[in-house]
Amino acid sequence: MRQADFEAQAVRRQLDKVLASAGFSRNERLSRFLRFVVERHLEGRDQELKESLIAIEVFGRQPGYDSKQDPIVRTEASRLRARLSEYYLADGKSDSMIIELPKGGYVPVVRSAERTDKPAAPEAARLNKWRIPVGIAALALLVVASAAVNWWWFRPQNTPIPIAVLPLLNLNQDPAYDYFADGLTGGAHTQPVDH
């Protein structure tokens, strides 16, 4: 048996398992839709999986079907995607193969399930250990920065700035300049400067 035949059989077994689930066994329309697209895909006829063909073959519409007047294929494709998602979150969560119908088309994708129940790697566990303390420190820094910005923004703007002027000394040794030095020193104490 060729590898392709073996893979096709595995996909058909997965398809039968999905269709036997509670979400599909009671919904003939969605079951027929899923089986049709998967079988065409396995036969290598992806190019045929167009809205008009699905409407005629699966939903019994007449040739000349107009998707603008009857959006049944798009509506049912959306329901099919949701139902598949529900299946793989519940009944099929331990399945080794996943059948999907990506948005924007009607060609199914079959892939192997990736197991996520492995224990976390030591590096990831070590990083997770620091996530909360770093988050708390970042939050504290944000609060302090916010308080500083608020203080700066709302502080009184016209508060005078006091300037202390030391007494000026007359280094000239000429008593005529003593009066001048005393006048400058005394005037500085009485005139606050606004900023």
N, C-alpha and C. Protein backbone atom coordinates (compact mmCIF):
# COMPACT_ATOMS: atom_id res chain seq x y z
N MET A 1 0.85 -1.19 0.00
CA MET A 1 0.00 0.00 0.00
C MET A 1 0.88 1.24 0.00
N ARG A 2 0.57 2.19 -0.87
CA ARG A 2 1.35 3.42 -0.95
C ARG A 2 1.09 4.29 0.26
N GLN A 3 2.07 5.19 0.53
CA GLN A 3 1.95 6.11 1.68
C GLN A 3 0.71 7.00 1.53
N ALA A 4 0.45 7.48 0.30
CA ALA A 4 -0.70 8.36 0.07
C ALA A 4 -2.01 7.63 0.39
N ASP A 5 -2.11 6.34 0.03
CA ASP A 5 -3.32 5.57 0.33
C ASP A 5 -3.48 5.38 1.83
N PHE A 6 -2.37 5.14 2.50
CA PHE A 6 -2.40 4.97 3.96
C PHE A 6 -2.88 6.25 4.63
N GLU A 7 -2.36 7.39 4.16
CA GLU A 7 -2.77 8.69 4.74
C GLU A 7 -4.24 8.98 4.45
N ALA A 8 -4.69 8.64 3.24
CA ALA A 8 -6.10 8.87 2.89
C ALA A 8 -7.01 8.03 3.78
N GLN A 9 -6.61 6.78 4.08
CA GLN A 9 -7.41 5.94 4.97
C GLN A 9 -7.47 6.54 6.37
N ALA A 10 -6.34 7.08 6.85
CA ALA A 10 -6.31 7.70 8.18
C ALA A 10 -7.24 8.92 8.22
N VAL A 11 -7.24 9.69 7.14
CA VAL A 11 -8.12 10.87 7.09
C VAL A 11 -9.58 10.43 7.07
N ARG A 12 -9.91 9.37 6.32
CA ARG A 12 -11.29 8.89 6.28
C ARG A 12 -11.74 8.35 7.64
N ARG A 13 -10.81 7.70 8.37
CA ARG A 13 -11.16 7.23 9.72
C ARG A 13 -11.45 8.43 10.63
N GLN A 14 -10.63 9.48 10.49
CA GLN A 14 -10.85 10.68 11.30
C GLN A 14 -12.17 11.34 10.91
N LEU A 15 -12.46 11.40 9.62
CA LEU A 15 -13.73 11.97 9.15
C LEU A 15 -14.91 11.20 9.74
N ASP A 16 -14.85 9.86 9.69
CA ASP A 16 -15.95 9.04 10.24
C ASP A 16 -16.11 9.30 11.74
N LYS A 17 -15.00 9.47 12.44
CA LYS A 17 -15.06 9.73 13.88
C LYS A 17 -15.73 11.07 14.16
N VAL A 18 -15.37 12.09 13.36
CA VAL A 18 -15.98 13.41 13.54
C VAL A 18 -17.47 13.34 13.24
N LEU A 19 -17.84 12.68 12.15
CA LEU A 19 -19.25 12.61 11.74
C LEU A 19 -20.10 11.79 12.70
N ALA A 20 -19.45 10.88 13.46
CA ALA A 20 -20.20 10.07 14.44
C ALA A 20 -20.41 10.82 15.76
N SER A 21 -19.76 11.96 15.92
CA SER A 21 -19.88 12.71 17.18
C SER A 21 -21.26 13.35 17.28
N ALA A 22 -21.62 13.74 18.49
CA ALA A 22 -22.96 14.30 18.75
C ALA A 22 -23.23 15.56 17.93
N GLY A 23 -22.23 16.37 17.73
CA GLY A 23 -22.43 17.62 17.01
C GLY A 23 -22.73 17.43 15.53
N PHE A 24 -22.33 16.28 14.95
CA PHE A 24 -22.54 16.05 13.53
C PHE A 24 -23.59 14.97 13.25
N SER A 25 -23.71 13.99 14.11
CA SER A 25 -24.61 12.86 13.82
C SER A 25 -26.06 13.29 13.71
N ARG A 26 -26.42 14.40 14.36
CA ARG A 26 -27.79 14.89 14.30
C ARG A 26 -27.96 16.02 13.29
N ASN A 27 -26.92 16.33 12.53
CA ASN A 27 -27.01 17.42 11.57
C ASN A 27 -26.58 16.90 10.19
N GLU A 28 -27.54 16.43 9.44
CA GLU A 28 -27.24 15.81 8.14
C GLU A 28 -26.62 16.80 7.16
N ARG A 29 -27.07 18.04 7.21
CA ARG A 29 -26.59 19.04 6.25
C ARG A 29 -25.08 19.31 6.44
N LEU A 30 -24.68 19.56 7.69
CA LEU A 30 -23.25 19.81 7.95
C LEU A 30 -22.41 18.57 7.70
N SER A 31 -22.95 17.41 8.03
CA SER A 31 -22.22 16.15 7.79
C SER A 31 -21.99 15.94 6.29
N ARG A 32 -23.03 16.18 5.50
CA ARG A 32 -22.91 16.03 4.05
C ARG A 32 -21.88 17.01 3.48
N PHE A 33 -21.89 18.24 3.98
CA PHE A 33 -20.97 19.28 3.55
C PHE A 33 -19.52 18.86 3.85
N LEU A 34 -19.27 18.44 5.09
CA LEU A 34 -17.90 18.06 5.48
C LEU A 34 -17.42 16.85 4.68
N ARG A 35 -18.27 15.84 4.56
CA ARG A 35 -17.86 14.64 3.80
C ARG A 35 -17.55 15.01 2.34
N PHE A 36 -18.36 15.85 1.74
CA PHE A 36 -18.15 16.23 0.34
C PHE A 36 -16.79 16.90 0.14
N VAL A 37 -16.48 17.91 0.97
CA VAL A 37 -15.22 18.64 0.75
C VAL A 37 -14.00 17.78 1.08
N VAL A 38 -14.11 16.92 2.10
CA VAL A 38 -12.97 16.05 2.44
C VAL A 38 -12.75 15.01 1.35
N GLU A 39 -13.82 14.40 0.86
CA GLU A 39 -13.66 13.39 -0.20
C GLU A 39 -13.07 14.00 -1.47
N ARG A 40 -13.56 15.16 -1.88
CA ARG A 40 -12.99 15.83 -3.06
C ARG A 40 -11.51 16.16 -2.84
N HIS A 41 -11.19 16.57 -1.63
CA HIS A 41 -9.79 16.89 -1.31
C HIS A 41 -8.92 15.64 -1.42
N LEU A 42 -9.39 14.53 -0.88
CA LEU A 42 -8.61 13.28 -0.94
C LEU A 42 -8.48 12.76 -2.37
N GLU A 43 -9.44 13.08 -3.22
CA GLU A 43 -9.37 12.67 -4.63
C GLU A 43 -8.49 13.62 -5.45
N GLY A 44 -7.95 14.66 -4.82
CA GLY A 44 -7.09 15.61 -5.53
C GLY A 44 -7.87 16.58 -6.39
N ARG A 45 -9.11 16.88 -6.02
CA ARG A 45 -9.97 17.74 -6.84
C ARG A 45 -10.28 19.06 -6.11
N ASP A 46 -9.27 19.61 -5.47
CA ASP A 46 -9.45 20.86 -4.71
C ASP A 46 -9.97 22.00 -5.58
N GLN A 47 -9.54 22.04 -6.86
CA GLN A 47 -9.96 23.14 -7.74
C GLN A 47 -11.46 23.14 -7.98
N GLU A 48 -12.14 22.03 -7.73
CA GLU A 48 -13.59 21.96 -7.93
C GLU A 48 -14.37 22.50 -6.73
N LEU A 49 -13.70 22.70 -5.61
CA LEU A 49 -14.40 23.10 -4.39
C LEU A 49 -14.72 24.59 -4.41
N LYS A 50 -15.68 24.92 -5.25
CA LYS A 50 -16.16 26.29 -5.41
C LYS A 50 -17.56 26.40 -4.82
N GLU A 51 -17.96 27.59 -4.52
CA GLU A 51 -19.25 27.84 -3.88
C GLU A 51 -20.41 27.31 -4.73
N SER A 52 -20.35 27.53 -6.03
CA SER A 52 -21.47 27.12 -6.89
C SER A 52 -21.62 25.60 -6.93
N LEU A 53 -20.51 24.86 -7.02
CA LEU A 53 -20.59 23.40 -7.06
C LEU A 53 -21.11 22.85 -5.73
N ILE A 54 -20.63 23.39 -4.62
CA ILE A 54 -21.09 22.93 -3.31
C ILE A 54 -22.59 23.19 -3.16
N ALA A 55 -23.05 24.34 -3.62
CA ALA A 55 -24.49 24.67 -3.53
C ALA A 55 -25.33 23.66 -4.29
N ILE A 56 -24.86 23.25 -5.47
CA ILE A 56 -25.61 22.30 -6.30
C ILE A 56 -25.52 20.88 -5.74
N GLU A 57 -24.27 20.42 -5.44
CA GLU A 57 -24.04 19.03 -5.03
C GLU A 57 -24.48 18.74 -3.60
N VAL A 58 -24.26 19.69 -2.69
CA VAL A 58 -24.54 19.43 -1.27
C VAL A 58 -25.91 19.94 -0.86
N PHE A 59 -26.27 21.13 -1.33
CA PHE A 59 -27.49 21.77 -0.84
C PHE A 59 -28.65 21.75 -1.84
N GLY A 60 -28.45 21.02 -2.96
CA GLY A 60 -29.54 20.80 -3.90
C GLY A 60 -30.01 22.03 -4.67
N ARG A 61 -29.16 23.02 -4.83
CA ARG A 61 -29.54 24.21 -5.60
C ARG A 61 -29.47 23.88 -7.09
N GLN A 62 -30.18 24.66 -7.89
CA GLN A 62 -30.24 24.45 -9.34
C GLN A 62 -29.00 25.03 -10.01
N PRO A 63 -28.61 24.50 -11.19
CA PRO A 63 -27.53 25.12 -11.96
C PRO A 63 -27.89 26.58 -12.23
N GLY A 64 -26.91 27.43 -12.23
CA GLY A 64 -27.17 28.86 -12.35
C GLY A 64 -27.33 29.51 -10.99
N TYR A 65 -26.98 28.79 -9.94
CA TYR A 65 -27.08 29.28 -8.56
C TYR A 65 -26.35 30.61 -8.43
N ASP A 66 -26.98 31.58 -7.78
CA ASP A 66 -26.39 32.91 -7.57
C ASP A 66 -26.13 33.10 -6.08
N SER A 67 -24.87 33.16 -5.71
CA SER A 67 -24.50 33.26 -4.29
C SER A 67 -24.89 34.61 -3.68
N LYS A 68 -25.07 35.63 -4.52
CA LYS A 68 -25.47 36.95 -4.00
C LYS A 68 -26.92 36.92 -3.50
N GLN A 69 -27.74 36.10 -4.13
CA GLN A 69 -29.14 36.01 -3.72
C GLN A 69 -29.36 34.92 -2.67
N ASP A 70 -28.48 33.94 -2.62
CA ASP A 70 -28.64 32.81 -1.69
C ASP A 70 -27.28 32.47 -1.08
N PRO A 71 -26.95 33.00 0.10
CA PRO A 71 -25.62 32.78 0.69
C PRO A 71 -25.53 31.49 1.51
N ILE A 72 -26.26 30.46 1.14
CA ILE A 72 -26.31 29.25 1.96
C ILE A 72 -24.94 28.61 2.17
N VAL A 73 -24.10 28.60 1.14
CA VAL A 73 -22.81 27.93 1.28
C VAL A 73 -21.94 28.67 2.30
N ARG A 74 -21.89 30.00 2.21
CA ARG A 74 -21.09 30.77 3.17
C ARG A 74 -21.64 30.62 4.58
N THR A 75 -22.95 30.64 4.71
CA THR A 75 -23.58 30.50 6.03
C THR A 75 -23.26 29.14 6.65
N GLU A 76 -23.43 28.09 5.84
CA GLU A 76 -23.19 26.75 6.35
C GLU A 76 -21.70 26.50 6.58
N ALA A 77 -20.84 27.12 5.78
CA ALA A 77 -19.39 26.97 6.00
C ALA A 77 -19.00 27.58 7.34
N SER A 78 -19.60 28.70 7.68
CA SER A 78 -19.33 29.33 8.97
C SER A 78 -19.80 28.42 10.12
N ARG A 79 -20.97 27.84 9.96
CA ARG A 79 -21.48 26.90 10.98
C ARG A 79 -20.60 25.66 11.07
N LEU A 80 -20.11 25.19 9.93
CA LEU A 80 -19.25 24.01 9.91
C LEU A 80 -17.93 24.28 10.63
N ARG A 81 -17.35 25.45 10.39
CA ARG A 81 -16.10 25.81 11.09
C ARG A 81 -16.31 25.83 12.60
N ALA A 82 -17.43 26.43 13.02
CA ALA A 82 -17.72 26.51 14.46
C ALA A 82 -17.94 25.12 15.05
N ARG A 83 -18.63 24.26 14.32
CA ARG A 83 -18.91 22.91 14.82
C ARG A 83 -17.64 22.08 14.91
N LEU A 84 -16.74 22.23 13.92
CA LEU A 84 -15.46 21.53 13.98
C LEU A 84 -14.63 22.00 15.18
N SER A 85 -14.63 23.30 15.39
CA SER A 85 -13.90 23.86 16.53
C SER A 85 -14.44 23.30 17.85
N GLU A 86 -15.76 23.25 17.98
CA GLU A 86 -16.39 22.68 19.19
C GLU A 86 -15.99 21.22 19.37
N TYR A 87 -15.98 20.47 18.26
CA TYR A 87 -15.63 19.05 18.35
C TYR A 87 -14.21 18.87 18.88
N TYR A 88 -13.26 19.64 18.34
CA TYR A 88 -11.86 19.46 18.75
C TYR A 88 -11.57 20.03 20.14
N LEU A 89 -12.47 20.85 20.66
CA LEU A 89 -12.31 21.33 22.04
C LEU A 89 -12.91 20.35 23.05
N ALA A 90 -13.79 19.46 22.59
CA ALA A 90 -14.46 18.53 23.51
C ALA A 90 -14.16 17.08 23.13
N ASP A 91 -15.04 16.46 22.34
CA ASP A 91 -14.89 15.04 22.01
C ASP A 91 -13.56 14.72 21.34
N GLY A 92 -13.08 15.61 20.49
CA GLY A 92 -11.88 15.31 19.72
C GLY A 92 -10.59 15.91 20.26
N LYS A 93 -10.59 16.31 21.54
CA LYS A 93 -9.39 16.98 22.04
C LYS A 93 -8.17 16.06 22.13
N SER A 94 -8.39 14.75 22.14
CA SER A 94 -7.25 13.84 22.17
C SER A 94 -6.98 13.18 20.82
N ASP A 95 -7.70 13.60 19.77
CA ASP A 95 -7.48 13.04 18.43
C ASP A 95 -6.08 13.40 17.94
N SER A 96 -5.50 12.51 17.16
CA SER A 96 -4.16 12.76 16.63
C SER A 96 -4.18 13.53 15.31
N MET A 97 -5.36 13.68 14.73
CA MET A 97 -5.49 14.36 13.45
C MET A 97 -6.62 15.38 13.53
N ILE A 98 -6.43 16.52 12.86
CA ILE A 98 -7.42 17.60 12.89
C ILE A 98 -7.83 17.94 11.46
N ILE A 99 -9.13 18.03 11.24
CA ILE A 99 -9.67 18.47 9.95
C ILE A 99 -10.21 19.88 10.15
N GLU A 100 -9.75 20.80 9.32
CA GLU A 100 -10.17 22.20 9.41
C GLU A 100 -10.69 22.68 8.07
N LEU A 101 -11.52 23.71 8.11
CA LEU A 101 -11.98 24.38 6.90
C LEU A 101 -11.60 25.86 7.05
N PRO A 102 -10.42 26.25 6.55
CA PRO A 102 -9.95 27.63 6.76
C PRO A 102 -10.91 28.64 6.14
N LYS A 103 -10.96 29.81 6.76
CA LYS A 103 -11.81 30.89 6.24
C LYS A 103 -11.31 31.33 4.88
N GLY A 104 -12.23 31.79 4.05
CA GLY A 104 -11.86 32.31 2.74
C GLY A 104 -11.89 31.26 1.64
N GLY A 105 -12.26 30.03 1.96
CA GLY A 105 -12.30 29.00 0.93
C GLY A 105 -13.01 27.76 1.44
N TYR A 106 -13.05 26.73 0.59
CA TYR A 106 -13.77 25.52 0.93
C TYR A 106 -12.89 24.27 0.80
N VAL A 107 -11.57 24.48 0.72
CA VAL A 107 -10.64 23.36 0.65
C VAL A 107 -10.22 23.02 2.08
N PRO A 108 -10.51 21.79 2.53
CA PRO A 108 -10.16 21.44 3.90
C PRO A 108 -8.65 21.27 4.07
N VAL A 109 -8.21 21.43 5.30
CA VAL A 109 -6.82 21.21 5.66
C VAL A 109 -6.82 20.11 6.71
N VAL A 110 -5.97 19.10 6.48
CA VAL A 110 -5.84 18.01 7.45
C VAL A 110 -4.42 18.08 7.99
N ARG A 111 -4.32 18.13 9.32
CA ARG A 111 -3.00 18.21 9.93
C ARG A 111 -2.97 17.35 11.18
N SER A 112 -1.76 17.01 11.61
CA SER A 112 -1.64 16.23 12.84
C SER A 112 -1.76 17.18 14.02
N ALA A 113 -2.38 16.68 15.08
CA ALA A 113 -2.58 17.50 16.27
C ALA A 113 -1.26 17.64 17.00
N GLU A 114 -1.02 18.84 17.51
CA GLU A 114 0.18 19.07 18.30
C GLU A 114 -0.20 18.96 19.76
N ARG A 115 0.45 18.10 20.46
CA ARG A 115 0.14 17.90 21.87
C ARG A 115 0.72 19.04 22.69
N THR A 116 -0.12 19.66 23.51
CA THR A 116 0.34 20.76 24.35
C THR A 116 0.32 20.37 25.83
N ASP A 117 0.11 19.06 26.12
CA ASP A 117 0.05 18.65 27.51
C ASP A 117 1.42 18.26 28.06
N LYS A 118 2.50 18.61 27.36
CA LYS A 118 3.85 18.35 27.86
C LYS A 118 4.15 19.32 28.99
N PRO A 119 5.00 18.90 29.94
CA PRO A 119 5.37 19.85 31.00
C PRO A 119 6.15 21.01 30.42
N ALA A 120 6.02 22.16 31.05
CA ALA A 120 6.70 23.35 30.56
C ALA A 120 8.21 23.17 30.66
N ALA A 121 8.91 23.71 29.71
CA ALA A 121 10.37 23.64 29.72
C ALA A 121 10.91 24.41 30.92
N PRO A 122 12.07 24.00 31.46
CA PRO A 122 12.62 24.71 32.63
C PRO A 122 12.80 26.19 32.38
N GLU A 123 13.25 26.56 31.18
CA GLU A 123 13.45 27.98 30.87
C GLU A 123 12.14 28.74 30.95
N ALA A 124 11.07 28.16 30.40
CA ALA A 124 9.76 28.81 30.43
C ALA A 124 9.25 28.92 31.86
N ALA A 125 9.47 27.88 32.67
CA ALA A 125 9.02 27.92 34.07
C ALA A 125 9.77 29.02 34.83
N ARG A 126 11.07 29.16 34.55
CA ARG A 126 11.86 30.18 35.23
C ARG A 126 11.38 31.57 34.83
N LEU A 127 11.05 31.76 33.56
CA LEU A 127 10.54 33.06 33.12
C LEU A 127 9.18 33.36 33.73
N ASN A 128 8.32 32.35 33.84
CA ASN A 128 6.99 32.55 34.43
C ASN A 128 7.10 32.95 35.89
N LYS A 129 8.14 32.46 36.59
CA LYS A 129 8.31 32.78 38.00
C LYS A 129 8.55 34.27 38.21
N TRP A 130 9.19 34.92 37.23
CA TRP A 130 9.51 36.35 37.36
C TRP A 130 8.45 37.26 36.79
N ARG A 131 7.46 36.71 36.12
CA ARG A 131 6.47 37.53 35.43
C ARG A 131 5.68 38.42 36.39
N ILE A 132 5.21 37.89 37.52
CA ILE A 132 4.40 38.68 38.46
C ILE A 132 5.23 39.74 39.18
N PRO A 133 6.42 39.39 39.75
CA PRO A 133 7.21 40.46 40.41
C PRO A 133 7.61 41.58 39.45
N VAL A 134 7.96 41.24 38.23
CA VAL A 134 8.33 42.28 37.27
C VAL A 134 7.12 43.15 36.94
N GLY A 135 5.96 42.53 36.82
CA GLY A 135 4.74 43.29 36.56
C GLY A 135 4.41 44.24 37.71
N ILE A 136 4.59 43.78 38.95
CA ILE A 136 4.33 44.63 40.11
C ILE A 136 5.31 45.80 40.14
N ALA A 137 6.59 45.50 39.87
CA ALA A 137 7.60 46.57 39.86
C ALA A 137 7.30 47.59 38.77
N ALA A 138 6.88 47.13 37.61
CA ALA A 138 6.55 48.06 36.52
C ALA A 138 5.35 48.92 36.90
N LEU A 139 4.37 48.32 37.56
CA LEU A 139 3.20 49.08 38.00
C LEU A 139 3.58 50.13 39.04
N ALA A 140 4.44 49.76 39.99
CA ALA A 140 4.89 50.71 41.01
C ALA A 140 5.65 51.87 40.37
N LEU A 141 6.51 51.56 39.40
CA LEU A 141 7.26 52.60 38.70
C LEU A 141 6.31 53.53 37.95
N LEU A 142 5.28 52.98 37.37
CA LEU A 142 4.29 53.78 36.65
C LEU A 142 3.55 54.72 37.61
N VAL A 143 3.21 54.23 38.80
CA VAL A 143 2.52 55.06 39.80
C VAL A 143 3.41 56.21 40.25
N VAL A 144 4.69 55.91 40.51
CA VAL A 144 5.62 56.95 40.95
C VAL A 144 5.82 57.99 39.86
N ALA A 145 5.99 57.53 38.62
CA ALA A 145 6.17 58.47 37.50
C ALA A 145 4.92 59.33 37.32
N SER A 146 3.76 58.73 37.46
CA SER A 146 2.51 59.48 37.32
C SER A 146 2.39 60.54 38.42
N ALA A 147 2.75 60.18 39.64
CA ALA A 147 2.70 61.14 40.74
C ALA A 147 3.66 62.30 40.50
N ALA A 148 4.86 62.00 39.99
CA ALA A 148 5.84 63.06 39.71
C ALA A 148 5.34 63.99 38.62
N VAL A 149 4.75 63.44 37.58
CA VAL A 149 4.23 64.27 36.49
C VAL A 149 3.08 65.14 37.01
N ASN A 150 2.19 64.56 37.82
CA ASN A 150 1.08 65.33 38.38
C ASN A 150 1.59 66.46 39.28
N TRP A 151 2.60 66.18 40.10
CA TRP A 151 3.15 67.22 40.96
C TRP A 151 3.72 68.36 40.12
N TRP A 152 4.48 68.02 39.10
CA TRP A 152 5.11 69.02 38.25
C TRP A 152 4.06 69.85 37.52
N TRP A 153 3.02 69.18 37.05
CA TRP A 153 2.00 69.85 36.25
C TRP A 153 1.12 70.79 37.09
N PHE A 154 0.77 70.37 38.31
CA PHE A 154 -0.18 71.11 39.12
C PHE A 154 0.46 71.93 40.24
N ARG A 155 1.77 72.05 40.28
CA ARG A 155 2.40 72.86 41.32
C ARG A 155 2.10 74.33 41.06
N PRO A 156 2.12 75.18 42.07
CA PRO A 156 1.86 76.61 41.85
C PRO A 156 2.89 77.20 40.89
N GLN A 157 2.41 77.93 39.90
CA GLN A 157 3.30 78.43 38.84
C GLN A 157 3.94 79.78 39.17
N ASN A 158 3.30 80.63 40.01
CA ASN A 158 3.81 81.99 40.23
C ASN A 158 4.38 82.19 41.62
N THR A 159 4.90 81.14 42.21
CA THR A 159 5.53 81.27 43.52
C THR A 159 6.87 81.98 43.34
N PRO A 160 7.12 83.06 44.12
CA PRO A 160 8.40 83.76 43.97
C PRO A 160 9.56 82.87 44.40
N ILE A 161 10.65 83.04 43.70
CA ILE A 161 11.85 82.29 44.03
C ILE A 161 12.73 83.19 44.88
N PRO A 162 12.98 82.82 46.15
CA PRO A 162 13.82 83.69 46.99
C PRO A 162 15.29 83.59 46.56
N ILE A 163 15.94 84.73 46.56
CA ILE A 163 17.37 84.78 46.23
C ILE A 163 18.09 85.41 47.42
N ALA A 164 19.08 84.73 47.88
CA ALA A 164 19.88 85.29 48.97
C ALA A 164 21.13 85.91 48.36
N VAL A 165 21.35 87.18 48.65
CA VAL A 165 22.53 87.87 48.14
C VAL A 165 23.42 88.18 49.34
N LEU A 166 24.63 87.69 49.25
CA LEU A 166 25.57 87.98 50.34
C LEU A 166 25.97 89.45 50.29
N PRO A 167 26.32 89.99 51.41
CA PRO A 167 26.73 91.41 51.41
C PRO A 167 27.89 91.63 50.46
N LEU A 168 27.80 92.74 49.69
CA LEU A 168 28.89 93.07 48.78
C LEU A 168 29.98 93.81 49.57
N LEU A 169 31.16 93.44 49.27
CA LEU A 169 32.29 94.09 49.94
C LEU A 169 32.93 95.12 49.02
N ASN A 170 33.30 96.19 49.60
CA ASN A 170 34.00 97.21 48.83
C ASN A 170 35.48 96.85 48.84
N LEU A 171 35.94 96.24 47.78
CA LEU A 171 37.34 95.83 47.69
C LEU A 171 38.25 96.97 47.23
N ASN A 172 37.65 98.07 46.91
CA ASN A 172 38.39 99.22 46.39
C ASN A 172 39.07 100.01 47.51
N GLN A 173 38.68 99.75 48.70
CA GLN A 173 39.17 100.45 49.88
C GLN A 173 38.84 101.95 49.88
N ASP A 174 37.97 102.35 48.98
CA ASP A 174 37.56 103.76 48.90
C ASP A 174 36.22 103.90 49.59
N PRO A 175 36.12 104.70 50.68
CA PRO A 175 34.87 104.82 51.41
C PRO A 175 33.74 105.40 50.56
N ALA A 176 34.03 105.99 49.44
CA ALA A 176 32.98 106.55 48.60
C ALA A 176 32.12 105.44 47.98
N TYR A 177 32.70 104.27 47.84
CA TYR A 177 31.97 103.16 47.23
C TYR A 177 31.22 102.31 48.26
N ASP A 178 31.38 102.55 49.56
CA ASP A 178 30.67 101.78 50.59
C ASP A 178 29.16 101.96 50.45
N TYR A 179 28.73 103.19 50.21
CA TYR A 179 27.31 103.46 50.05
C TYR A 179 26.73 102.68 48.87
N PHE A 180 27.47 102.60 47.80
CA PHE A 180 27.04 101.87 46.60
C PHE A 180 26.89 100.37 46.90
N ALA A 181 27.86 99.74 47.57
CA ALA A 181 27.82 98.32 47.92
C ALA A 181 26.67 98.03 48.87
N ASP A 182 26.44 98.91 49.86
CA ASP A 182 25.34 98.72 50.80
C ASP A 182 23.99 98.83 50.09
N GLY A 183 23.87 99.72 49.15
CA GLY A 183 22.61 99.90 48.42
C GLY A 183 22.25 98.69 47.58
N LEU A 184 23.23 98.10 46.90
CA LEU A 184 22.96 96.90 46.10
C LEU A 184 22.59 95.72 46.99
N THR A 185 23.26 95.56 48.08
CA THR A 185 22.96 94.42 48.97
C THR A 185 21.59 94.58 49.59
N GLY A 186 21.24 95.74 50.05
CA GLY A 186 19.94 95.97 50.69
C GLY A 186 18.78 95.83 49.72
N GLY A 187 18.93 96.26 48.48
CA GLY A 187 17.85 96.20 47.48
C GLY A 187 17.54 94.79 47.07
N ALA A 188 18.49 93.89 47.09
CA ALA A 188 18.27 92.51 46.66
C ALA A 188 17.37 91.77 47.63
N HIS A 189 17.39 92.15 48.90
CA HIS A 189 16.57 91.44 49.88
C HIS A 189 15.11 91.79 49.76
N THR A 190 14.79 92.91 49.17
CA THR A 190 13.39 93.34 49.14
C THR A 190 12.69 93.05 47.82
N GLN A 191 13.38 92.58 46.80
CA GLN A 191 12.78 92.36 45.48
C GLN A 191 12.76 90.86 45.13
N PRO A 192 11.64 90.14 45.39
CA PRO A 192 11.59 88.74 44.96
C PRO A 192 11.47 88.68 43.43
N VAL A 193 12.01 87.63 42.88
CA VAL A 193 12.00 87.48 41.42
C VAL A 193 10.96 86.43 41.06
N ASP A 194 10.05 86.76 40.13
CA ASP A 194 9.05 85.78 39.64
C ASP A 194 9.66 85.01 38.47
N HIS A 195 9.18 83.76 38.32
CA HIS A 195 9.64 82.98 37.17
C HIS A 195 8.49 82.67 36.25
